[in-house]
Amino acid sequence: MTKPLRRGEASLSSCGIAVMAKASIPGRTKTRLVPPLSFEEAAAFNTAFLQDVAANILAASSRLSISGYMAFGPPESTAFFQTTLPSGIGLIESWLPNFGDCLFHAITRLLASGHEAAVVLNADSPTLPTSLLVDTASILARPGDRAVIGPSTDGGYYLLGLKTAHRRLFEDIDWSTERVAAQTLQRAREIGLSVHVLPAWYDVDEVEALRQLHAELCGGRPFAADLQSHQAPRTAALMRALLGEADLAGRLDIAPARSIERVGG
């Protein structure tokens, strides 16, 4: 087994975080946002999300011993990730028929490369607070086997962190349903694994979540009052461009005057 490709970072951190990432291909990426987005706009949001999530991990790495990766696919998309992302983000090819196998593969690759803890992170939460990534690494650094899960508001999870590659956590899971987080917690109970549950956050994979993202980035309405969201500058810039140039406000059924005023304020 080859080690993950690291670019520009010589030392290995205690916690590896791998984003489950797909290359931005119009018509194949973020298609649940079409409409109101076009296929090209959806792919552009995917790229912005990846860049902001990568920046978020790098921000967390300045506060704790963390390294960032993209567990990516499809296999022929290596060049896309190399040219799109900062050099401090490593690459792990993880493209298998079953999503649970993709997650488990990323976890095992991180642990096999020498990280003491491994985290899989979604690519759909560009405003996820950096503090939650730092908290995850800190909790996993404690003695004893344990896990960390970050539940999504849609019933899935945005993050799962482990110190040991427990295969059972990825078995008999109804992926892409509202049962994923609950079933994962049940698997943890089956094997007697202690799990720390983080605050819930949202995934931007449906239109209503895109409206929530607009409210957070352009409307001054934070998702959680007690947590500081990541600023997601690439996503915010794309959102503002589409609001001003492509009638995104109308397509999202958001009052245009209010959106433009808040964006400029």
Protein backbone atom coordinates (compact mmCIF):
# COMPACT_ATOMS: atom_id res chain seq x y z
CA MET A 1 0.00 0.00 0.00
CA THR A 2 1.39 3.37 -1.01
CA LYS A 3 1.41 6.20 1.46
CA PRO A 4 -0.78 9.27 0.92
CA LEU A 5 0.77 11.89 -1.31
CA ARG A 6 1.88 14.85 0.77
CA ARG A 7 2.86 18.07 -0.92
CA GLY A 8 4.96 20.66 0.85
CA GLU A 9 4.86 19.26 4.39
CA ALA A 10 7.72 17.20 5.75
CA SER A 11 6.54 16.28 9.24
CA LEU A 12 3.60 14.07 10.14
CA SER A 13 1.02 15.38 12.58
CA SER A 14 -0.77 13.36 15.23
CA CYS A 15 -4.19 13.81 13.57
CA GLY A 16 -4.90 13.40 9.88
CA ILE A 17 -8.12 14.86 8.47
CA ALA A 18 -9.25 13.63 5.06
CA VAL A 19 -12.00 15.41 3.15
CA MET A 20 -14.22 13.09 1.10
CA ALA A 21 -13.87 14.98 -2.15
CA LYS A 22 -15.11 14.72 -5.72
CA ALA A 23 -13.54 16.60 -8.59
CA SER A 24 -15.62 19.45 -9.98
CA ILE A 25 -17.19 18.12 -13.16
CA PRO A 26 -20.32 19.86 -14.50
CA GLY A 27 -23.20 17.39 -14.63
CA ARG A 28 -21.51 15.02 -12.15
CA THR A 29 -20.91 17.24 -9.12
CA LYS A 30 -23.45 18.77 -6.69
CA THR A 31 -26.28 17.85 -9.05
CA ARG A 32 -28.87 18.03 -6.25
CA LEU A 33 -28.43 21.81 -6.41
CA VAL A 34 -29.57 21.81 -10.07
CA PRO A 35 -31.90 23.65 -10.41
CA PRO A 36 -31.81 26.43 -9.24
CA LEU A 37 -28.10 26.33 -10.12
CA SER A 38 -26.79 25.37 -13.52
CA PHE A 39 -24.45 22.38 -13.74
CA GLU A 40 -21.53 24.76 -14.24
CA GLU A 41 -22.47 26.84 -11.18
CA ALA A 42 -22.89 23.72 -9.06
CA ALA A 43 -19.41 22.56 -10.07
CA ALA A 44 -18.03 26.02 -9.25
CA PHE A 45 -19.55 25.82 -5.78
CA ASN A 46 -17.96 22.40 -5.33
CA THR A 47 -14.55 23.87 -6.13
CA ALA A 48 -15.10 26.80 -3.76
CA PHE A 49 -16.22 24.41 -1.00
CA LEU A 50 -13.10 22.29 -1.44
CA GLN A 51 -10.84 25.33 -1.27
CA ASP A 52 -12.56 26.71 1.82
CA VAL A 53 -12.60 23.35 3.62
CA ALA A 54 -8.88 22.94 2.84
CA ALA A 55 -8.21 26.43 4.23
CA ASN A 56 -10.23 25.55 7.30
CA ILE A 57 -8.09 22.49 7.99
CA LEU A 58 -4.91 24.52 7.51
CA ALA A 59 -6.26 27.09 9.98
CA ALA A 60 -6.88 24.31 12.49
CA SER A 61 -3.36 22.98 11.90
CA SER A 62 -1.94 26.28 13.14
CA ARG A 63 -3.55 25.60 16.53
CA LEU A 64 -2.98 21.86 16.95
CA SER A 65 -1.07 18.97 15.38
CA ILE A 66 -3.27 18.39 12.32
CA SER A 67 -2.59 17.50 8.69
CA GLY A 68 -5.09 17.84 5.87
CA TYR A 69 -5.85 15.55 2.94
CA MET A 70 -8.36 15.05 0.18
CA ALA A 71 -9.65 11.48 -0.14
CA PHE A 72 -10.61 11.99 -3.73
CA GLY A 73 -12.13 10.64 -6.87
CA PRO A 74 -12.55 9.89 -9.65
CA PRO A 75 -9.08 8.38 -10.07
CA GLU A 76 -8.15 10.42 -13.14
CA SER A 77 -8.70 13.72 -11.30
CA THR A 78 -5.36 14.01 -9.50
CA ALA A 79 -4.32 17.01 -11.58
CA PHE A 80 -7.51 18.88 -10.65
CA PHE A 81 -6.77 18.60 -6.94
CA GLN A 82 -3.08 19.41 -7.36
CA THR A 83 -3.86 22.64 -9.19
CA THR A 84 -6.90 23.65 -7.12
CA LEU A 85 -5.66 23.14 -3.55
CA PRO A 86 -2.82 24.46 -1.39
CA SER A 87 0.39 22.44 -1.40
CA GLY A 88 -0.06 21.61 2.29
CA ILE A 89 -3.03 19.34 1.50
CA GLY A 90 -2.16 15.71 0.80
CA LEU A 91 -3.98 13.40 -1.60
CA ILE A 92 -5.47 9.95 -1.05
CA GLU A 93 -7.25 8.24 -3.91
CA SER A 94 -10.44 6.76 -2.48
CA TRP A 95 -12.93 5.77 -5.18
CA LEU A 96 -14.86 2.60 -4.36
CA PRO A 97 -18.41 1.47 -5.23
CA ASN A 98 -19.65 1.68 -1.62
CA PHE A 99 -19.35 4.98 0.25
CA GLY A 100 -18.68 3.20 3.53
CA ASP A 101 -15.71 1.50 1.91
CA CYS A 102 -14.43 4.91 0.74
CA LEU A 103 -14.61 6.23 4.30
CA PHE A 104 -12.97 3.16 5.80
CA HIS A 105 -10.23 3.21 3.15
CA ALA A 106 -9.40 6.83 3.99
CA ILE A 107 -9.31 6.06 7.72
CA THR A 108 -7.01 3.06 7.26
CA ARG A 109 -4.68 4.97 4.95
CA LEU A 110 -4.26 7.78 7.47
CA LEU A 111 -3.58 5.43 10.35
CA ALA A 112 -1.24 3.26 8.27
CA SER A 113 0.78 6.33 7.32
CA GLY A 114 1.56 6.98 10.98
CA HIS A 115 -1.15 9.36 12.24
CA GLU A 116 -2.33 8.56 15.75
CA ALA A 117 -5.88 9.59 14.85
CA ALA A 118 -7.80 9.72 11.58
CA VAL A 119 -10.79 11.89 10.67
CA VAL A 120 -13.05 11.81 7.62
CA LEU A 121 -14.74 15.13 6.87
CA ASN A 122 -17.41 16.07 4.35
CA ALA A 123 -16.81 18.57 1.57
CA ASP A 124 -20.25 20.18 1.90
CA SER A 125 -19.83 22.37 5.01
CA PRO A 126 -17.58 25.28 4.03
CA THR A 127 -18.57 27.36 7.08
CA LEU A 128 -17.94 24.63 9.66
CA PRO A 129 -16.31 26.29 12.68
CA THR A 130 -12.56 25.73 12.83
CA SER A 131 -12.95 25.17 16.56
CA LEU A 132 -14.80 21.91 15.90
CA LEU A 133 -11.83 20.54 13.96
CA VAL A 134 -9.50 21.58 16.77
CA ASP A 135 -11.81 20.03 19.37
CA THR A 136 -11.91 16.79 17.39
CA ALA A 137 -8.13 16.47 17.28
CA SER A 138 -7.86 17.39 20.96
CA ILE A 139 -10.42 14.77 22.03
CA LEU A 140 -8.77 12.08 19.93
CA ALA A 141 -5.41 12.91 21.53
CA ARG A 142 -6.68 11.77 24.92
CA PRO A 143 -5.61 8.33 26.21
CA GLY A 144 -7.74 5.33 25.34
CA ASP A 145 -9.70 4.27 22.30
CA ARG A 146 -12.53 6.63 21.38
CA ALA A 147 -14.41 8.22 18.49
CA VAL A 148 -15.77 11.65 17.63
CA ILE A 149 -18.84 12.23 15.48
CA GLY A 150 -20.25 15.48 14.14
CA PRO A 151 -23.92 14.96 13.27
CA SER A 152 -25.44 16.79 10.32
CA THR A 153 -28.87 18.38 10.52
CA ASP A 154 -30.05 16.00 7.78
CA GLY A 155 -29.34 12.91 9.90
CA GLY A 156 -25.93 12.09 8.47
CA TYR A 157 -22.59 13.20 9.85
CA TYR A 158 -20.14 15.82 8.67
CA LEU A 159 -17.20 14.32 10.55
CA LEU A 160 -16.10 11.02 12.06
CA GLY A 161 -12.82 10.66 13.92
CA LEU A 162 -11.19 7.43 15.10
CA LYS A 163 -8.02 6.18 16.74
CA THR A 164 -8.54 2.61 15.55
CA ALA A 165 -9.99 1.48 12.23
CA HIS A 166 -13.20 -0.11 13.49
CA ARG A 167 -14.73 -1.74 10.41
CA ARG A 168 -18.09 -2.25 12.15
CA LEU A 169 -18.78 1.49 12.14
CA PHE A 170 -19.12 1.37 8.35
CA GLU A 171 -21.20 -1.79 8.04
CA ASP A 172 -24.97 -2.04 7.62
CA ILE A 173 -25.35 1.73 7.23
CA ASP A 174 -28.08 3.20 5.02
CA TRP A 175 -25.82 5.73 3.35
CA SER A 176 -27.36 8.98 2.05
CA THR A 177 -30.32 8.72 4.41
CA GLU A 178 -31.37 10.46 7.62
CA ARG A 179 -30.42 7.31 9.55
CA VAL A 180 -26.64 7.42 9.03
CA ALA A 181 -25.58 9.13 12.28
CA ALA A 182 -27.99 7.13 14.44
CA GLN A 183 -26.90 3.85 12.88
CA THR A 184 -23.22 4.75 13.31
CA LEU A 185 -23.79 5.47 16.99
CA GLN A 186 -25.58 2.13 17.30
CA ARG A 187 -22.59 0.33 15.75
CA ALA A 188 -20.33 2.08 18.27
CA ARG A 189 -22.51 0.84 21.12
CA GLU A 190 -22.33 -2.68 19.71
CA ILE A 191 -18.53 -2.71 19.95
CA GLY A 192 -18.36 -0.74 23.21
CA LEU A 193 -16.67 2.29 21.68
CA SER A 194 -16.93 5.61 23.52
CA VAL A 195 -18.15 8.42 21.22
CA HIS A 196 -17.99 12.17 21.76
CA VAL A 197 -20.79 13.95 19.90
CA LEU A 198 -20.03 17.42 18.52
CA PRO A 199 -22.62 20.15 17.87
CA ALA A 200 -24.71 19.61 14.75
CA TRP A 201 -23.92 21.48 11.52
CA TYR A 202 -25.45 21.56 8.06
CA ASP A 203 -24.44 20.14 4.69
CA VAL A 204 -24.97 22.20 1.56
CA ASP A 205 -26.35 19.50 -0.70
CA GLU A 206 -29.94 20.70 -1.22
CA VAL A 207 -31.56 24.02 -2.16
CA GLU A 208 -32.76 24.88 1.35
CA ALA A 209 -29.21 24.45 2.65
CA LEU A 210 -28.00 26.77 -0.11
CA ARG A 211 -30.42 29.38 1.23
CA GLN A 212 -29.00 28.79 4.72
CA LEU A 213 -25.50 29.29 3.33
CA HIS A 214 -26.60 32.57 1.75
CA ALA A 215 -28.12 33.70 5.04
CA GLU A 216 -24.89 32.92 6.85
CA LEU A 217 -22.42 34.40 4.35
CA CYS A 218 -24.44 37.31 2.99
CA GLY A 219 -27.31 37.91 5.38
CA GLY A 220 -25.47 38.19 8.67
CA ARG A 221 -27.44 35.31 10.19
CA PRO A 222 -25.07 32.76 11.79
CA PHE A 223 -26.12 29.14 11.88
CA ALA A 224 -25.18 28.79 15.56
CA ALA A 225 -24.95 31.82 17.85
CA ASP A 226 -22.45 30.13 20.18
CA LEU A 227 -20.01 29.04 17.45
CA GLN A 228 -17.86 31.15 15.13
CA SER A 229 -18.34 30.00 11.56
CA HIS A 230 -15.45 29.66 9.14
CA GLN A 231 -15.61 32.68 6.82
CA ALA A 232 -15.38 30.55 3.64
CA PRO A 233 -14.02 33.38 1.46
CA ARG A 234 -14.04 31.48 -1.86
CA THR A 235 -17.65 30.39 -1.38
CA ALA A 236 -18.69 33.87 -0.26
CA ALA A 237 -17.05 35.47 -3.31
CA LEU A 238 -18.81 33.05 -5.66
CA MET A 239 -22.13 33.62 -3.94
CA ARG A 240 -21.76 37.38 -4.26
CA ALA A 241 -20.79 37.15 -7.90
CA LEU A 242 -23.84 35.06 -8.75
CA LEU A 243 -26.11 37.36 -6.74
CA GLY A 244 -24.87 40.36 -8.67
CA GLU A 245 -24.49 38.88 -12.14
CA ALA A 246 -26.73 35.84 -12.54
CA ASP A 247 -29.96 36.50 -10.61
CA LEU A 248 -29.18 33.90 -7.98
CA ALA A 249 -31.38 35.81 -5.53
CA GLY A 250 -34.38 35.37 -7.80
CA ARG A 251 -33.66 31.70 -8.35
CA LEU A 252 -33.41 31.13 -4.61
CA ASP A 253 -36.54 33.22 -4.00
CA ILE A 254 -34.59 35.70 -1.87
CA ALA A 255 -35.40 39.41 -1.97
CA PRO A 256 -32.74 40.85 -4.35
CA ALA A 257 -32.49 44.32 -2.80
CA ARG A 258 -31.92 42.93 0.69
CA SER A 259 -29.32 40.43 -0.56
CA ILE A 260 -27.33 43.01 -2.50
CA GLU A 261 -27.47 45.50 0.38
CA ARG A 262 -26.17 42.93 2.87
CA VAL A 263 -23.47 41.70 0.52
CA GLY A 264 -22.17 45.21 0.11
CA GLY A 265 -22.49 46.09 3.79
